[in-house]
Amino acid sequence: MNHHLQRLLLLAGLLGVAGLGGCAVEPWVKPYERERLADPMMQFSRDALADRHRDHVYSVREGARGATGVQGGGCGCN
C-alpha cells in the first residue's frame, strides 16, 4: 500500500509541475508578430459596424443590456 501511495504522490507532483508550466510570464505572441494578428484578414467579420448594429438590435429585442458590451436596451427609441 505504501508503494501505491508513493506513486500517487509522484503522479500528483508531476501533474502539478506540468500545470504550473503553463503559467509562464513570457507571452506566446512576440511584439513583432502582433502586426500579423492585427491584420483585417484575421477578424471574424468584415463589417464591424454591421456587427455592432446587429448586437444593438439583439440587445434591444431581448430587453437585456450589458451582456455583449452594447449600451442601452428596452424600447429601442434612441
PDB file of N, CA and C in Angstrom:
ATOM      1  N   MET A   1       0.826  -1.194   0.000  1.00  0.00           N
ATOM      2  CA  MET A   1       0.000   0.000   0.000  1.00  0.00           C
ATOM      3  C   MET A   1       0.869   1.256   0.000  1.00  0.00           C
ATOM      4  N   ASN A   2       1.956   1.232   0.696  1.00  0.00           N
ATOM      5  CA  ASN A   2       2.843   2.378   0.753  1.00  0.00           C
ATOM      6  C   ASN A   2       3.429   2.679  -0.624  1.00  0.00           C
ATOM      7  N   HIS A   3       3.686   1.638  -1.397  1.00  0.00           N
ATOM      8  CA  HIS A   3       4.226   1.799  -2.754  1.00  0.00           C
ATOM      9  C   HIS A   3       3.211   2.503  -3.659  1.00  0.00           C
ATOM     10  N   HIS A   4       1.944   2.165  -3.524  1.00  0.00           N
ATOM     11  CA  HIS A   4       0.893   2.801  -4.319  1.00  0.00           C
ATOM     12  C   HIS A   4       0.722   4.269  -3.933  1.00  0.00           C
ATOM     13  N   LEU A   5       0.861   4.565  -2.656  1.00  0.00           N
ATOM     14  CA  LEU A   5       0.745   5.941  -2.190  1.00  0.00           C
ATOM     15  C   LEU A   5       1.894   6.792  -2.731  1.00  0.00           C
ATOM     16  N   GLN A   6       3.096   6.231  -2.758  1.00  0.00           N
ATOM     17  CA  GLN A   6       4.240   6.962  -3.307  1.00  0.00           C
ATOM     18  C   GLN A   6       4.039   7.257  -4.786  1.00  0.00           C
ATOM     19  N   ARG A   7       3.531   6.285  -5.530  1.00  0.00           N
ATOM     20  CA  ARG A   7       3.271   6.506  -6.958  1.00  0.00           C
ATOM     21  C   ARG A   7       2.203   7.575  -7.167  1.00  0.00           C
ATOM     22  N   LEU A   8       1.189   7.540  -6.340  1.00  0.00           N
ATOM     23  CA  LEU A   8       0.115   8.534  -6.445  1.00  0.00           C
ATOM     24  C   LEU A   8       0.640   9.940  -6.153  1.00  0.00           C
ATOM     25  N   LEU A   9       1.465  10.077  -5.125  1.00  0.00           N
ATOM     26  CA  LEU A   9       2.037  11.372  -4.795  1.00  0.00           C
ATOM     27  C   LEU A   9       2.987  11.852  -5.886  1.00  0.00           C
ATOM     28  N   LEU A  10       3.753  10.945  -6.461  1.00  0.00           N
ATOM     29  CA  LEU A  10       4.654  11.298  -7.551  1.00  0.00           C
ATOM     30  C   LEU A  10       3.861  11.772  -8.764  1.00  0.00           C
ATOM     31  N   LEU A  11       2.798  11.064  -9.091  1.00  0.00           N
ATOM     32  CA  LEU A  11       1.950  11.446 -10.212  1.00  0.00           C
ATOM     33  C   LEU A  11       1.298  12.809  -9.964  1.00  0.00           C
ATOM     34  N   ALA A  12       0.827  13.034  -8.745  1.00  0.00           N
ATOM     35  CA  ALA A  12       0.213  14.319  -8.408  1.00  0.00           C
ATOM     36  C   ALA A  12       1.248  15.442  -8.495  1.00  0.00           C
ATOM     37  N   GLY A  13       2.462  15.193  -8.071  1.00  0.00           N
ATOM     38  CA  GLY A  13       3.515  16.192  -8.155  1.00  0.00           C
ATOM     39  C   GLY A  13       3.879  16.520  -9.594  1.00  0.00           C
ATOM     40  N   LEU A  14       3.984  15.488 -10.430  1.00  0.00           N
ATOM     41  CA  LEU A  14       4.292  15.711 -11.838  1.00  0.00           C
ATOM     42  C   LEU A  14       3.188  16.487 -12.539  1.00  0.00           C
ATOM     43  N   LEU A  15       1.943  16.170 -12.236  1.00  0.00           N
ATOM     44  CA  LEU A  15       0.826  16.905 -12.821  1.00  0.00           C
ATOM     45  C   LEU A  15       0.816  18.360 -12.347  1.00  0.00           C
ATOM     46  N   GLY A  16       1.169  18.582 -11.086  1.00  0.00           N
ATOM     47  CA  GLY A  16       1.229  19.946 -10.569  1.00  0.00           C
ATOM     48  C   GLY A  16       2.317  20.761 -11.248  1.00  0.00           C
ATOM     49  N   VAL A  17       3.481  20.156 -11.438  1.00  0.00           N
ATOM     50  CA  VAL A  17       4.576  20.859 -12.115  1.00  0.00           C
ATOM     51  C   VAL A  17       4.213  21.122 -13.573  1.00  0.00           C
ATOM     52  N   ALA A  18       3.584  20.159 -14.240  1.00  0.00           N
ATOM     53  CA  ALA A  18       3.173  20.357 -15.631  1.00  0.00           C
ATOM     54  C   ALA A  18       2.109  21.447 -15.731  1.00  0.00           C
ATOM     55  N   GLY A  19       1.219  21.524 -14.758  1.00  0.00           N
ATOM     56  CA  GLY A  19       0.191  22.560 -14.758  1.00  0.00           C
ATOM     57  C   GLY A  19       0.778  23.938 -14.539  1.00  0.00           C
ATOM     58  N   LEU A  20       1.789  24.046 -13.691  1.00  0.00           N
ATOM     59  CA  LEU A  20       2.421  25.339 -13.446  1.00  0.00           C
ATOM     60  C   LEU A  20       3.286  25.778 -14.617  1.00  0.00           C
ATOM     61  N   GLY A  21       3.678  24.849 -15.452  1.00  0.00           N
ATOM     62  CA  GLY A  21       4.473  25.200 -16.629  1.00  0.00           C
ATOM     63  C   GLY A  21       3.686  26.046 -17.612  1.00  0.00           C
ATOM     64  N   GLY A  22       2.369  25.969 -17.580  1.00  0.00           N
ATOM     65  CA  GLY A  22       1.532  26.776 -18.456  1.00  0.00           C
ATOM     66  C   GLY A  22       1.349  28.195 -17.966  1.00  0.00           C
ATOM     67  N   CYS A  23       1.847  28.510 -16.782  1.00  0.00           N
ATOM     68  CA  CYS A  23       1.691  29.848 -16.206  1.00  0.00           C
ATOM     69  C   CYS A  23       2.924  30.709 -16.471  1.00  0.00           C
ATOM     70  N   ALA A  24       3.520  30.583 -17.619  1.00  0.00           N
ATOM     71  CA  ALA A  24       4.722  31.349 -17.933  1.00  0.00           C
ATOM     72  C   ALA A  24       4.384  32.822 -18.097  1.00  0.00           C
ATOM     73  N   VAL A  25       5.309  33.675 -17.744  1.00  0.00           N
ATOM     74  CA  VAL A  25       5.108  35.114 -17.825  1.00  0.00           C
ATOM     75  C   VAL A  25       5.329  35.610 -19.252  1.00  0.00           C
ATOM     76  N   GLU A  26       6.203  34.984 -19.984  1.00  0.00           N
ATOM     77  CA  GLU A  26       6.526  35.418 -21.335  1.00  0.00           C
ATOM     78  C   GLU A  26       5.347  35.173 -22.271  1.00  0.00           C
ATOM     79  N   PRO A  27       4.934  36.182 -23.037  1.00  0.00           N
ATOM     80  CA  PRO A  27       3.796  35.985 -23.937  1.00  0.00           C
ATOM     81  C   PRO A  27       4.149  35.050 -25.092  1.00  0.00           C
ATOM     82  N   TRP A  28       3.150  34.320 -25.558  1.00  0.00           N
ATOM     83  CA  TRP A  28       3.365  33.416 -26.684  1.00  0.00           C
ATOM     84  C   TRP A  28       3.563  34.197 -27.970  1.00  0.00           C
ATOM     85  N   VAL A  29       2.892  35.332 -28.078  1.00  0.00           N
ATOM     86  CA  VAL A  29       2.986  36.144 -29.295  1.00  0.00           C
ATOM     87  C   VAL A  29       4.016  37.237 -29.057  1.00  0.00           C
ATOM     88  N   LYS A  30       5.031  37.246 -29.866  1.00  0.00           N
ATOM     89  CA  LYS A  30       6.089  38.255 -29.756  1.00  0.00           C
ATOM     90  C   LYS A  30       5.577  39.592 -30.299  1.00  0.00           C
ATOM     91  N   PRO A  31       6.150  40.705 -29.841  1.00  0.00           N
ATOM     92  CA  PRO A  31       5.682  42.015 -30.313  1.00  0.00           C
ATOM     93  C   PRO A  31       5.762  42.179 -31.826  1.00  0.00           C
ATOM     94  N   TYR A  32       6.768  41.615 -32.453  1.00  0.00           N
ATOM     95  CA  TYR A  32       6.888  41.754 -33.904  1.00  0.00           C
ATOM     96  C   TYR A  32       5.917  40.850 -34.658  1.00  0.00           C
ATOM     97  N   GLU A  33       5.291  39.888 -33.967  1.00  0.00           N
ATOM     98  CA  GLU A  33       4.295  39.019 -34.599  1.00  0.00           C
ATOM     99  C   GLU A  33       2.882  39.572 -34.474  1.00  0.00           C
ATOM    100  N   ARG A  34       2.683  40.545 -33.604  1.00  0.00           N
ATOM    101  CA  ARG A  34       1.341  41.086 -33.369  1.00  0.00           C
ATOM    102  C   ARG A  34       0.814  41.865 -34.562  1.00  0.00           C
ATOM    103  N   GLU A  35       1.712  42.357 -35.383  1.00  0.00           N
ATOM    104  CA  GLU A  35       1.288  43.085 -36.577  1.00  0.00           C
ATOM    105  C   GLU A  35       0.470  42.185 -37.495  1.00  0.00           C
ATOM    106  N   ARG A  36       0.865  40.946 -37.601  1.00  0.00           N
ATOM    107  CA  ARG A  36       0.126  39.998 -38.450  1.00  0.00           C
ATOM    108  C   ARG A  36      -1.247  39.696 -37.876  1.00  0.00           C
ATOM    109  N   LEU A  37      -1.359  39.642 -36.551  1.00  0.00           N
ATOM    110  CA  LEU A  37      -2.641  39.330 -35.922  1.00  0.00           C
ATOM    111  C   LEU A  37      -3.607  40.505 -36.001  1.00  0.00           C
ATOM    112  N   ALA A  38      -3.108  41.727 -36.164  1.00  0.00           N
ATOM    113  CA  ALA A  38      -3.967  42.902 -36.275  1.00  0.00           C
ATOM    114  C   ALA A  38      -4.455  43.103 -37.703  1.00  0.00           C
ATOM    115  N   ASP A  39      -4.066  42.244 -38.600  1.00  0.00           N
ATOM    116  CA  ASP A  39      -4.474  42.336 -39.996  1.00  0.00           C
ATOM    117  C   ASP A  39      -5.996  42.169 -40.089  1.00  0.00           C
ATOM    118  N   PRO A  40      -6.688  42.962 -40.903  1.00  0.00           N
ATOM    119  CA  PRO A  40      -8.139  42.816 -41.047  1.00  0.00           C
ATOM    120  C   PRO A  40      -8.555  41.418 -41.496  1.00  0.00           C
ATOM    121  N   MET A  41      -7.659  40.691 -42.140  1.00  0.00           N
ATOM    122  CA  MET A  41      -7.981  39.330 -42.570  1.00  0.00           C
ATOM    123  C   MET A  41      -8.217  38.399 -41.376  1.00  0.00           C
ATOM    124  N   MET A  42      -7.679  38.765 -40.201  1.00  0.00           N
ATOM    125  CA  MET A  42      -7.804  37.921 -39.011  1.00  0.00           C
ATOM    126  C   MET A  42      -9.088  38.191 -38.238  1.00  0.00           C
ATOM    127  N   GLN A  43      -9.923  39.118 -38.680  1.00  0.00           N
ATOM    128  CA  GLN A  43     -11.166  39.444 -37.995  1.00  0.00           C
ATOM    129  C   GLN A  43     -12.228  38.394 -38.310  1.00  0.00           C
ATOM    130  N   PHE A  44     -13.164  38.205 -37.380  1.00  0.00           N
ATOM    131  CA  PHE A  44     -14.247  37.254 -37.603  1.00  0.00           C
ATOM    132  C   PHE A  44     -15.197  37.737 -38.684  1.00  0.00           C
ATOM    133  N   SER A  45     -15.425  39.039 -38.717  1.00  0.00           N
ATOM    134  CA  SER A  45     -16.355  39.607 -39.666  1.00  0.00           C
ATOM    135  C   SER A  45     -15.681  40.732 -40.430  1.00  0.00           C
ATOM    136  N   ARG A  46     -16.150  40.989 -41.632  1.00  0.00           N
ATOM    137  CA  ARG A  46     -15.553  42.052 -42.431  1.00  0.00           C
ATOM    138  C   ARG A  46     -16.155  43.409 -42.138  1.00  0.00           C
ATOM    139  N   ASP A  47     -17.331  43.445 -41.546  1.00  0.00           N
ATOM    140  CA  ASP A  47     -18.023  44.714 -41.321  1.00  0.00           C
ATOM    141  C   ASP A  47     -18.296  44.883 -39.827  1.00  0.00           C
ATOM    142  N   ALA A  48     -17.408  45.594 -39.147  1.00  0.00           N
ATOM    143  CA  ALA A  48     -17.545  45.771 -37.705  1.00  0.00           C
ATOM    144  C   ALA A  48     -18.756  46.633 -37.359  1.00  0.00           C
ATOM    145  N   LEU A  49     -19.075  47.621 -38.194  1.00  0.00           N
ATOM    146  CA  LEU A  49     -20.226  48.480 -37.935  1.00  0.00           C
ATOM    147  C   LEU A  49     -21.527  47.676 -37.988  1.00  0.00           C
ATOM    148  N   ALA A  50     -21.652  46.800 -38.963  1.00  0.00           N
ATOM    149  CA  ALA A  50     -22.840  45.955 -39.053  1.00  0.00           C
ATOM    150  C   ALA A  50     -22.934  45.018 -37.851  1.00  0.00           C
ATOM    151  N   ASP A  51     -21.806  44.527 -37.372  1.00  0.00           N
ATOM    152  CA  ASP A  51     -21.821  43.668 -36.178  1.00  0.00           C
ATOM    153  C   ASP A  51     -22.307  44.435 -34.954  1.00  0.00           C
ATOM    154  N   ARG A  52     -21.822  45.677 -34.792  1.00  0.00           N
ATOM    155  CA  ARG A  52     -22.277  46.482 -33.657  1.00  0.00           C
ATOM    156  C   ARG A  52     -23.768  46.779 -33.761  1.00  0.00           C
ATOM    157  N   HIS A  53     -24.250  47.054 -34.967  1.00  0.00           N
ATOM    158  CA  HIS A  53     -25.677  47.315 -35.156  1.00  0.00           C
ATOM    159  C   HIS A  53     -26.495  46.060 -34.832  1.00  0.00           C
ATOM    160  N   ARG A  54     -26.036  44.920 -35.296  1.00  0.00           N
ATOM    161  CA  ARG A  54     -26.732  43.659 -35.030  1.00  0.00           C
ATOM    162  C   ARG A  54     -26.762  43.362 -33.534  1.00  0.00           C
ATOM    163  N   ASP A  55     -25.654  43.615 -32.825  1.00  0.00           N
ATOM    164  CA  ASP A  55     -25.628  43.421 -31.377  1.00  0.00           C
ATOM    165  C   ASP A  55     -26.581  44.371 -30.666  1.00  0.00           C
ATOM    166  N   HIS A  56     -26.661  45.616 -31.146  1.00  0.00           N
ATOM    167  CA  HIS A  56     -27.570  46.581 -30.535  1.00  0.00           C
ATOM    168  C   HIS A  56     -29.021  46.144 -30.730  1.00  0.00           C
ATOM    169  N   VAL A  57     -29.365  45.747 -31.937  1.00  0.00           N
ATOM    170  CA  VAL A  57     -30.737  45.302 -32.216  1.00  0.00           C
ATOM    171  C   VAL A  57     -31.076  44.072 -31.377  1.00  0.00           C
ATOM    172  N   TYR A  58     -30.138  43.171 -31.249  1.00  0.00           N
ATOM    173  CA  TYR A  58     -30.372  41.960 -30.439  1.00  0.00           C
ATOM    174  C   TYR A  58     -30.602  42.322 -28.977  1.00  0.00           C
ATOM    175  N   SER A  59     -29.766  43.236 -28.442  1.00  0.00           N
ATOM    176  CA  SER A  59     -29.923  43.593 -27.030  1.00  0.00           C
ATOM    177  C   SER A  59     -31.225  44.342 -26.791  1.00  0.00           C
ATOM    178  N   VAL A  60     -31.653  45.177 -27.741  1.00  0.00           N
ATOM    179  CA  VAL A  60     -32.926  45.888 -27.592  1.00  0.00           C
ATOM    180  C   VAL A  60     -34.087  44.903 -27.661  1.00  0.00           C
ATOM    181  N   ARG A  61     -34.009  43.966 -28.574  1.00  0.00           N
ATOM    182  CA  ARG A  61     -35.080  42.996 -28.743  1.00  0.00           C
ATOM    183  C   ARG A  61     -35.207  42.099 -27.512  1.00  0.00           C
ATOM    184  N   GLU A  62     -34.093  41.734 -26.929  1.00  0.00           N
ATOM    185  CA  GLU A  62     -34.127  40.867 -25.758  1.00  0.00           C
ATOM    186  C   GLU A  62     -34.452  41.627 -24.475  1.00  0.00           C
ATOM    187  N   GLY A  63     -34.305  42.959 -24.508  1.00  0.00           N
ATOM    188  CA  GLY A  63     -34.593  43.744 -23.307  1.00  0.00           C
ATOM    189  C   GLY A  63     -33.507  43.624 -22.261  1.00  0.00           C
ATOM    190  N   ALA A  64     -32.375  43.086 -22.645  1.00  0.00           N
ATOM    191  CA  ALA A  64     -31.265  42.946 -21.705  1.00  0.00           C
ATOM    192  C   ALA A  64     -30.169  43.912 -22.111  1.00  0.00           C
ATOM    193  N   ARG A  65     -29.305  44.223 -21.179  1.00  0.00           N
ATOM    194  CA  ARG A  65     -28.197  45.087 -21.536  1.00  0.00           C
ATOM    195  C   ARG A  65     -26.957  44.708 -20.748  1.00  0.00           C
ATOM    196  N   GLY A  66     -25.823  44.993 -21.337  1.00  0.00           N
ATOM    197  CA  GLY A  66     -24.559  44.757 -20.660  1.00  0.00           C
ATOM    198  C   GLY A  66     -23.923  43.424 -20.940  1.00  0.00           C
ATOM    199  N   ALA A  67     -24.638  42.489 -21.507  1.00  0.00           N
ATOM    200  CA  ALA A  67     -24.065  41.162 -21.694  1.00  0.00           C
ATOM    201  C   ALA A  67     -23.056  41.113 -22.826  1.00  0.00           C
ATOM    202  N   THR A  68     -23.275  41.902 -23.875  1.00  0.00           N
ATOM    203  CA  THR A  68     -22.356  41.853 -25.003  1.00  0.00           C
ATOM    204  C   THR A  68     -21.587  43.148 -25.184  1.00  0.00           C
ATOM    205  N   GLY A  69     -21.659  44.068 -24.240  1.00  0.00           N
ATOM    206  CA  GLY A  69     -20.928  45.320 -24.331  1.00  0.00           C
ATOM    207  C   GLY A  69     -21.675  46.408 -25.075  1.00  0.00           C
ATOM    208  N   VAL A  70     -22.912  46.141 -25.501  1.00  0.00           N
ATOM    209  CA  VAL A  70     -23.708  47.142 -26.212  1.00  0.00           C
ATOM    210  C   VAL A  70     -24.469  47.962 -25.176  1.00  0.00           C
ATOM    211  N   GLN A  71     -24.399  49.280 -25.302  1.00  0.00           N
ATOM    212  CA  GLN A  71     -25.076  50.144 -24.349  1.00  0.00           C
ATOM    213  C   GLN A  71     -26.551  50.298 -24.733  1.00  0.00           C
ATOM    214  N   GLY A  72     -27.374  50.453 -23.748  1.00  0.00           N
ATOM    215  CA  GLY A  72     -28.794  50.702 -23.999  1.00  0.00           C
ATOM    216  C   GLY A  72     -29.633  49.448 -23.869  1.00  0.00           C
ATOM    217  N   GLY A  73     -30.883  49.562 -24.197  1.00  0.00           N
ATOM    218  CA  GLY A  73     -31.780  48.438 -24.094  1.00  0.00           C
ATOM    219  C   GLY A  73     -33.190  48.926 -23.852  1.00  0.00           C
ATOM    220  N   GLY A  74     -34.148  48.068 -24.033  1.00  0.00           N
ATOM    221  CA  GLY A  74     -35.539  48.451 -23.794  1.00  0.00           C
ATOM    222  C   GLY A  74     -36.297  48.616 -25.090  1.00  0.00           C
ATOM    223  N   CYS A  75     -36.884  49.804 -25.303  1.00  0.00           N
ATOM    224  CA  CYS A  75     -37.780  50.005 -26.441  1.00  0.00           C
ATOM    225  C   CYS A  75     -37.056  50.284 -27.755  1.00  0.00           C
ATOM    226  N   GLY A  76     -35.818  50.691 -27.731  1.00  0.00           N
ATOM    227  CA  GLY A  76     -35.087  50.988 -28.960  1.00  0.00           C
ATOM    228  C   GLY A  76     -35.390  52.366 -29.494  1.00  0.00           C
ATOM    229  N   CYS A  77     -35.795  53.287 -28.627  1.00  0.00           N
ATOM    230  CA  CYS A  77     -36.170  54.621 -29.068  1.00  0.00           C
ATOM    231  C   CYS A  77     -34.980  55.500 -29.416  1.00  0.00           C
ATOM    232  N   ASN A  78     -33.809  55.132 -28.994  1.00  0.00           N
ATOM    233  CA  ASN A  78     -32.666  56.005 -29.224  1.00  0.00           C
ATOM    234  C   ASN A  78     -32.272  55.869 -30.637  1.00  0.00           C
TER     235      ASN A  78
END
